[in-house]
Amino acid sequence: MKQIIPIITLILSLVMTSCQTDLKLNDVIDQKSPFTLTIKSVDPKIELSSNESEKIEVNSEKWIKLVGFVKDNMNGWQSSPASYIGDIYVSQGDFRLIHTNGSNGVAIVFTDKEGNPKQYTKGIDKGELDFLTE
């Protein structure tokens, strides 16, 4: 797992040099619906992975922080054709946020209003999404 973080960081760094895009909040998430949080983990002793999921209810503390994160990060996204894997996934309808715990990048995937799939990445401060795993 530790080998994946430098690779993701390199990919995100390369992507950062491309054109930036600003997003509109209501095009990305529904501010009246809950999210589903899925955290993937691997037991190092037996090398088996497992998923833990929880619903992030509207107006809960995590929901408010997540919507705040999205609101604060509407600018500076870079379009990316690469596929991303992480250990933290937040979903809501066609929206997916993908993050690797301890990394300084995040990817979002969603379908725009015209039905076109979109995928963007952005560098963030380490720990900025730690509230998802607390």
N, C-alpha and C. Protein backbone atom coordinates (compact mmCIF):
# COMPACT_ATOMS: atom_id res chain seq x y z
N MET A 1 0.82 -1.19 0.00
CA MET A 1 0.00 0.00 0.00
C MET A 1 0.87 1.25 0.00
N LYS A 2 1.98 1.23 0.75
CA LYS A 2 2.85 2.40 0.82
C LYS A 2 3.48 2.70 -0.53
N GLN A 3 3.62 1.69 -1.39
CA GLN A 3 4.18 1.90 -2.72
C GLN A 3 3.19 2.63 -3.63
N ILE A 4 1.91 2.51 -3.37
CA ILE A 4 0.89 3.13 -4.20
C ILE A 4 0.85 4.64 -4.00
N ILE A 5 1.08 5.11 -2.78
CA ILE A 5 0.99 6.54 -2.49
C ILE A 5 1.96 7.35 -3.34
N PRO A 6 3.24 6.98 -3.48
CA PRO A 6 4.12 7.76 -4.36
C PRO A 6 3.66 7.75 -5.82
N ILE A 7 3.10 6.64 -6.26
CA ILE A 7 2.62 6.57 -7.64
C ILE A 7 1.45 7.51 -7.84
N ILE A 8 0.52 7.50 -6.89
CA ILE A 8 -0.64 8.40 -6.97
C ILE A 8 -0.17 9.85 -6.92
N THR A 9 0.79 10.14 -6.04
CA THR A 9 1.31 11.50 -5.93
C THR A 9 1.96 11.93 -7.25
N LEU A 10 2.72 11.05 -7.88
CA LEU A 10 3.34 11.36 -9.17
C LEU A 10 2.29 11.62 -10.23
N ILE A 11 1.29 10.78 -10.29
CA ILE A 11 0.22 10.96 -11.28
C ILE A 11 -0.49 12.29 -11.05
N LEU A 12 -0.80 12.57 -9.79
CA LEU A 12 -1.48 13.83 -9.49
C LEU A 12 -0.60 15.03 -9.84
N SER A 13 0.71 14.92 -9.62
CA SER A 13 1.63 16.01 -9.96
C SER A 13 1.65 16.25 -11.46
N LEU A 14 1.67 15.18 -12.23
CA LEU A 14 1.65 15.31 -13.68
C LEU A 14 0.35 15.93 -14.15
N VAL A 15 -0.73 15.54 -13.54
CA VAL A 15 -2.03 16.07 -13.91
C VAL A 15 -2.13 17.55 -13.58
N MET A 16 -1.46 17.97 -12.51
CA MET A 16 -1.52 19.37 -12.08
C MET A 16 -1.02 20.33 -13.15
N THR A 17 -0.23 19.86 -14.08
CA THR A 17 0.31 20.75 -15.10
C THR A 17 -0.68 20.99 -16.23
N SER A 18 -1.81 20.29 -16.26
CA SER A 18 -2.81 20.49 -17.31
C SER A 18 -3.72 21.65 -16.95
N CYS A 19 -4.65 21.95 -17.85
CA CYS A 19 -5.58 23.07 -17.65
C CYS A 19 -6.47 22.84 -16.44
N GLN A 20 -6.77 23.92 -15.75
CA GLN A 20 -7.61 23.83 -14.57
C GLN A 20 -9.06 24.14 -14.92
N THR A 21 -9.97 23.56 -14.15
CA THR A 21 -11.41 23.74 -14.36
C THR A 21 -12.05 24.14 -13.05
N ASP A 22 -13.03 25.03 -13.13
CA ASP A 22 -13.84 25.37 -11.98
C ASP A 22 -15.17 24.64 -12.11
N LEU A 23 -15.68 24.13 -11.01
CA LEU A 23 -16.92 23.36 -11.02
C LEU A 23 -18.03 24.14 -10.33
N LYS A 24 -19.26 23.78 -10.62
CA LYS A 24 -20.42 24.35 -9.96
C LYS A 24 -20.97 23.32 -8.99
N LEU A 25 -21.16 23.72 -7.75
CA LEU A 25 -21.55 22.80 -6.68
C LEU A 25 -22.77 21.97 -7.04
N ASN A 26 -23.81 22.60 -7.55
CA ASN A 26 -25.05 21.87 -7.84
C ASN A 26 -24.93 20.95 -9.05
N ASP A 27 -23.85 21.10 -9.83
CA ASP A 27 -23.60 20.17 -10.93
C ASP A 27 -22.90 18.91 -10.43
N VAL A 28 -22.33 18.98 -9.23
CA VAL A 28 -21.52 17.88 -8.71
C VAL A 28 -22.27 17.07 -7.66
N ILE A 29 -22.89 17.74 -6.68
CA ILE A 29 -23.58 17.01 -5.61
C ILE A 29 -25.00 17.53 -5.42
N ASP A 30 -25.81 16.72 -4.78
CA ASP A 30 -27.17 17.08 -4.38
C ASP A 30 -27.11 17.45 -2.90
N GLN A 31 -27.33 18.71 -2.60
CA GLN A 31 -27.21 19.19 -1.22
C GLN A 31 -28.40 18.78 -0.33
N LYS A 32 -29.30 17.97 -0.87
CA LYS A 32 -30.44 17.52 -0.08
C LYS A 32 -30.43 16.01 0.12
N SER A 33 -29.33 15.35 -0.27
CA SER A 33 -29.28 13.89 -0.19
C SER A 33 -28.08 13.43 0.63
N PRO A 34 -28.20 12.24 1.24
CA PRO A 34 -27.08 11.68 2.00
C PRO A 34 -25.99 11.15 1.06
N PHE A 35 -24.84 10.88 1.62
CA PHE A 35 -23.72 10.25 0.93
C PHE A 35 -23.51 8.87 1.52
N THR A 36 -22.80 8.02 0.77
CA THR A 36 -22.34 6.75 1.31
C THR A 36 -20.83 6.80 1.37
N LEU A 37 -20.28 6.51 2.53
CA LEU A 37 -18.84 6.48 2.75
C LEU A 37 -18.41 5.02 2.82
N THR A 38 -17.44 4.65 1.99
CA THR A 38 -16.88 3.30 2.02
C THR A 38 -15.38 3.41 2.25
N ILE A 39 -14.90 2.71 3.27
CA ILE A 39 -13.48 2.69 3.58
C ILE A 39 -12.96 1.28 3.36
N LYS A 40 -11.96 1.18 2.50
CA LYS A 40 -11.35 -0.12 2.21
C LYS A 40 -10.11 -0.26 3.08
N SER A 41 -9.91 -1.45 3.63
CA SER A 41 -8.72 -1.70 4.43
C SER A 41 -8.18 -3.08 4.11
N VAL A 42 -6.88 -3.25 4.36
CA VAL A 42 -6.23 -4.53 4.11
C VAL A 42 -5.57 -4.97 5.41
N ASP A 43 -5.85 -6.20 5.81
CA ASP A 43 -5.20 -6.78 6.98
C ASP A 43 -3.82 -7.24 6.53
N PRO A 44 -2.74 -6.61 7.02
CA PRO A 44 -1.40 -6.95 6.54
C PRO A 44 -0.95 -8.38 6.87
N LYS A 45 -1.51 -8.96 7.90
CA LYS A 45 -1.12 -10.32 8.29
C LYS A 45 -1.64 -11.36 7.30
N ILE A 46 -2.87 -11.19 6.87
CA ILE A 46 -3.46 -12.19 5.99
C ILE A 46 -3.72 -11.64 4.58
N GLU A 47 -3.41 -10.38 4.37
CA GLU A 47 -3.53 -9.70 3.08
C GLU A 47 -4.92 -9.81 2.47
N LEU A 48 -5.94 -9.78 3.31
CA LEU A 48 -7.31 -9.75 2.84
C LEU A 48 -7.86 -8.35 3.01
N SER A 49 -8.62 -7.91 2.02
CA SER A 49 -9.21 -6.58 2.11
C SER A 49 -10.65 -6.69 2.57
N SER A 50 -11.11 -5.61 3.17
CA SER A 50 -12.50 -5.54 3.60
C SER A 50 -13.00 -4.12 3.40
N ASN A 51 -14.30 -3.98 3.32
CA ASN A 51 -14.94 -2.68 3.16
C ASN A 51 -15.87 -2.43 4.33
N GLU A 52 -15.82 -1.20 4.82
CA GLU A 52 -16.79 -0.76 5.83
C GLU A 52 -17.53 0.41 5.22
N SER A 53 -18.85 0.36 5.23
CA SER A 53 -19.66 1.43 4.66
C SER A 53 -20.56 2.03 5.72
N GLU A 54 -20.82 3.31 5.55
CA GLU A 54 -21.78 3.99 6.42
C GLU A 54 -22.48 5.06 5.61
N LYS A 55 -23.68 5.35 6.02
CA LYS A 55 -24.45 6.41 5.39
C LYS A 55 -24.13 7.72 6.10
N ILE A 56 -23.82 8.75 5.35
CA ILE A 56 -23.59 10.08 5.92
C ILE A 56 -24.90 10.85 5.74
N GLU A 57 -25.64 10.95 6.81
CA GLU A 57 -26.97 11.57 6.76
C GLU A 57 -26.89 13.08 6.54
N VAL A 58 -27.89 13.61 5.86
CA VAL A 58 -27.99 15.04 5.60
C VAL A 58 -27.94 15.80 6.93
N ASN A 59 -27.13 16.84 6.95
CA ASN A 59 -26.94 17.73 8.10
C ASN A 59 -26.23 17.10 9.28
N SER A 60 -25.69 15.88 9.13
CA SER A 60 -24.84 15.32 10.18
C SER A 60 -23.50 16.06 10.15
N GLU A 61 -22.69 15.86 11.17
CA GLU A 61 -21.40 16.55 11.25
C GLU A 61 -20.52 16.22 10.04
N LYS A 62 -20.42 14.95 9.67
CA LYS A 62 -19.61 14.57 8.51
C LYS A 62 -20.19 15.14 7.22
N TRP A 63 -21.51 15.14 7.10
CA TRP A 63 -22.17 15.67 5.90
C TRP A 63 -21.84 17.15 5.74
N ILE A 64 -21.96 17.89 6.82
CA ILE A 64 -21.67 19.33 6.79
C ILE A 64 -20.21 19.58 6.41
N LYS A 65 -19.29 18.81 6.99
CA LYS A 65 -17.87 18.97 6.66
C LYS A 65 -17.59 18.58 5.21
N LEU A 66 -18.24 17.53 4.72
CA LEU A 66 -18.03 17.09 3.34
C LEU A 66 -18.55 18.12 2.35
N VAL A 67 -19.76 18.62 2.57
CA VAL A 67 -20.31 19.66 1.70
C VAL A 67 -19.43 20.91 1.78
N GLY A 68 -18.94 21.23 2.98
CA GLY A 68 -18.02 22.37 3.13
C GLY A 68 -16.74 22.16 2.34
N PHE A 69 -16.20 20.94 2.37
CA PHE A 69 -15.00 20.63 1.59
C PHE A 69 -15.27 20.86 0.10
N VAL A 70 -16.39 20.35 -0.39
CA VAL A 70 -16.72 20.52 -1.81
C VAL A 70 -16.89 22.01 -2.13
N LYS A 71 -17.62 22.75 -1.29
CA LYS A 71 -17.82 24.19 -1.52
C LYS A 71 -16.49 24.94 -1.55
N ASP A 72 -15.58 24.57 -0.66
CA ASP A 72 -14.28 25.25 -0.57
C ASP A 72 -13.32 24.85 -1.69
N ASN A 73 -13.66 23.81 -2.43
CA ASN A 73 -12.75 23.27 -3.44
C ASN A 73 -13.41 23.21 -4.82
N MET A 74 -14.11 24.23 -5.21
CA MET A 74 -14.76 24.24 -6.52
C MET A 74 -13.81 24.71 -7.63
N ASN A 75 -12.69 25.29 -7.27
CA ASN A 75 -11.76 25.82 -8.25
C ASN A 75 -10.50 24.97 -8.35
N GLY A 76 -9.85 25.01 -9.51
CA GLY A 76 -8.54 24.41 -9.67
C GLY A 76 -8.51 22.92 -9.95
N TRP A 77 -9.59 22.34 -10.44
CA TRP A 77 -9.62 20.92 -10.77
C TRP A 77 -9.03 20.71 -12.16
N GLN A 78 -8.38 19.57 -12.36
CA GLN A 78 -7.82 19.22 -13.66
C GLN A 78 -8.52 17.97 -14.18
N SER A 79 -8.93 18.05 -15.44
CA SER A 79 -9.55 16.89 -16.07
C SER A 79 -8.51 15.78 -16.17
N SER A 80 -8.95 14.55 -15.97
CA SER A 80 -8.02 13.44 -15.99
C SER A 80 -8.66 12.20 -16.62
N PRO A 81 -7.97 11.60 -17.59
CA PRO A 81 -8.50 10.37 -18.19
C PRO A 81 -8.08 9.11 -17.43
N ALA A 82 -7.18 9.24 -16.46
CA ALA A 82 -6.66 8.08 -15.73
C ALA A 82 -7.73 7.48 -14.82
N SER A 83 -7.54 6.23 -14.47
CA SER A 83 -8.41 5.57 -13.49
C SER A 83 -7.76 5.68 -12.12
N TYR A 84 -8.57 5.87 -11.11
CA TYR A 84 -8.05 6.05 -9.76
C TYR A 84 -8.64 5.02 -8.81
N ILE A 85 -7.79 4.55 -7.92
CA ILE A 85 -8.23 3.70 -6.83
C ILE A 85 -7.79 4.38 -5.54
N GLY A 86 -8.49 4.14 -4.49
CA GLY A 86 -8.14 4.71 -3.21
C GLY A 86 -8.63 3.80 -2.12
N ASP A 87 -8.57 4.29 -0.90
CA ASP A 87 -9.12 3.51 0.19
C ASP A 87 -10.30 4.21 0.86
N ILE A 88 -10.63 5.41 0.35
CA ILE A 88 -11.79 6.14 0.85
C ILE A 88 -12.63 6.55 -0.36
N TYR A 89 -13.88 6.13 -0.33
CA TYR A 89 -14.81 6.45 -1.41
C TYR A 89 -16.06 7.09 -0.81
N VAL A 90 -16.47 8.22 -1.38
CA VAL A 90 -17.72 8.84 -1.00
C VAL A 90 -18.58 8.86 -2.26
N SER A 91 -19.81 8.39 -2.13
CA SER A 91 -20.67 8.35 -3.30
C SER A 91 -22.04 8.94 -3.00
N GLN A 92 -22.65 9.42 -4.08
CA GLN A 92 -24.01 9.95 -4.02
C GLN A 92 -24.52 9.97 -5.45
N GLY A 93 -25.43 9.08 -5.79
CA GLY A 93 -25.90 8.99 -7.17
C GLY A 93 -24.73 8.68 -8.10
N ASP A 94 -24.52 9.53 -9.11
CA ASP A 94 -23.42 9.36 -10.07
C ASP A 94 -22.11 10.00 -9.59
N PHE A 95 -22.12 10.63 -8.44
CA PHE A 95 -20.93 11.31 -7.91
C PHE A 95 -20.08 10.33 -7.11
N ARG A 96 -18.75 10.38 -7.32
CA ARG A 96 -17.79 9.60 -6.54
C ARG A 96 -16.61 10.50 -6.19
N LEU A 97 -16.21 10.49 -4.94
CA LEU A 97 -14.98 11.13 -4.49
C LEU A 97 -14.06 10.00 -4.09
N ILE A 98 -12.82 10.01 -4.60
CA ILE A 98 -11.86 8.94 -4.35
C ILE A 98 -10.62 9.56 -3.72
N HIS A 99 -10.19 9.00 -2.60
CA HIS A 99 -9.05 9.55 -1.87
C HIS A 99 -8.27 8.40 -1.24
N THR A 100 -6.97 8.55 -1.17
CA THR A 100 -6.13 7.61 -0.45
C THR A 100 -5.71 8.26 0.85
N ASN A 101 -6.02 7.61 1.96
CA ASN A 101 -5.69 8.15 3.27
C ASN A 101 -4.21 8.49 3.35
N GLY A 102 -3.88 9.69 3.80
CA GLY A 102 -2.50 10.13 3.93
C GLY A 102 -1.92 10.76 2.68
N SER A 103 -2.69 10.80 1.60
CA SER A 103 -2.18 11.41 0.37
C SER A 103 -2.61 12.87 0.29
N ASN A 104 -2.07 13.57 -0.68
CA ASN A 104 -2.41 14.98 -0.85
C ASN A 104 -3.15 15.20 -2.17
N GLY A 105 -3.99 14.26 -2.54
CA GLY A 105 -4.77 14.40 -3.75
C GLY A 105 -6.13 13.74 -3.61
N VAL A 106 -7.04 14.18 -4.46
CA VAL A 106 -8.39 13.64 -4.47
C VAL A 106 -8.88 13.62 -5.91
N ALA A 107 -9.71 12.66 -6.23
CA ALA A 107 -10.33 12.58 -7.55
C ALA A 107 -11.84 12.58 -7.36
N ILE A 108 -12.54 13.20 -8.31
CA ILE A 108 -14.00 13.13 -8.31
C ILE A 108 -14.45 12.68 -9.69
N VAL A 109 -15.51 11.92 -9.69
CA VAL A 109 -16.10 11.40 -10.91
C VAL A 109 -17.60 11.66 -10.82
N PHE A 110 -18.19 12.16 -11.88
CA PHE A 110 -19.64 12.38 -11.89
C PHE A 110 -20.12 12.48 -13.33
N THR A 111 -21.42 12.45 -13.49
CA THR A 111 -22.04 12.63 -14.80
C THR A 111 -22.63 14.04 -14.83
N ASP A 112 -22.26 14.81 -15.87
CA ASP A 112 -22.76 16.19 -15.93
C ASP A 112 -24.23 16.21 -16.37
N LYS A 113 -24.81 17.41 -16.43
CA LYS A 113 -26.23 17.55 -16.74
C LYS A 113 -26.59 17.08 -18.14
N GLU A 114 -25.59 17.02 -19.02
CA GLU A 114 -25.82 16.52 -20.38
C GLU A 114 -25.62 15.01 -20.48
N GLY A 115 -25.31 14.37 -19.37
CA GLY A 115 -25.12 12.93 -19.34
C GLY A 115 -23.71 12.48 -19.69
N ASN A 116 -22.76 13.42 -19.72
CA ASN A 116 -21.37 13.09 -20.04
C ASN A 116 -20.59 12.77 -18.78
N PRO A 117 -19.83 11.66 -18.78
CA PRO A 117 -19.00 11.35 -17.61
C PRO A 117 -17.84 12.33 -17.50
N LYS A 118 -17.56 12.78 -16.30
CA LYS A 118 -16.47 13.72 -16.04
C LYS A 118 -15.60 13.16 -14.92
N GLN A 119 -14.31 13.41 -15.01
CA GLN A 119 -13.38 12.98 -13.96
C GLN A 119 -12.32 14.07 -13.80
N TYR A 120 -12.12 14.49 -12.54
CA TYR A 120 -11.18 15.55 -12.23
C TYR A 120 -10.34 15.17 -11.02
N THR A 121 -9.16 15.75 -10.94
CA THR A 121 -8.29 15.57 -9.78
C THR A 121 -7.85 16.93 -9.26
N LYS A 122 -7.43 16.92 -8.01
CA LYS A 122 -6.96 18.16 -7.38
C LYS A 122 -6.03 17.82 -6.22
N GLY A 123 -4.99 18.61 -6.05
CA GLY A 123 -4.13 18.48 -4.89
C GLY A 123 -4.79 19.16 -3.70
N ILE A 124 -4.70 18.52 -2.55
CA ILE A 124 -5.26 19.07 -1.32
C ILE A 124 -4.20 18.94 -0.23
N ASP A 125 -4.43 19.59 0.89
CA ASP A 125 -3.53 19.46 2.02
C ASP A 125 -3.70 18.08 2.66
N LYS A 126 -2.57 17.47 3.04
CA LYS A 126 -2.66 16.20 3.75
C LYS A 126 -3.51 16.39 4.99
N GLY A 127 -4.38 15.44 5.23
CA GLY A 127 -5.23 15.51 6.42
C GLY A 127 -6.53 16.25 6.21
N GLU A 128 -6.70 16.89 5.06
CA GLU A 128 -7.89 17.69 4.83
C GLU A 128 -9.18 16.86 4.85
N LEU A 129 -9.08 15.60 4.51
CA LEU A 129 -10.25 14.72 4.51
C LEU A 129 -10.23 13.70 5.66
N ASP A 130 -9.38 13.92 6.64
CA ASP A 130 -9.28 13.00 7.79
C ASP A 130 -10.60 12.85 8.53
N PHE A 131 -11.45 13.87 8.48
CA PHE A 131 -12.73 13.79 9.20
C PHE A 131 -13.58 12.62 8.71
N LEU A 132 -13.31 12.13 7.49
CA LEU A 132 -14.09 11.01 6.97
C LEU A 132 -13.80 9.71 7.70
N THR A 133 -12.61 9.58 8.27
CA THR A 133 -12.22 8.33 8.95
C THR A 133 -12.24 8.46 10.47
N GLU A 134 -12.68 9.58 10.99
CA GLU A 134 -12.72 9.78 12.44
C GLU A 134 -13.99 9.22 13.02
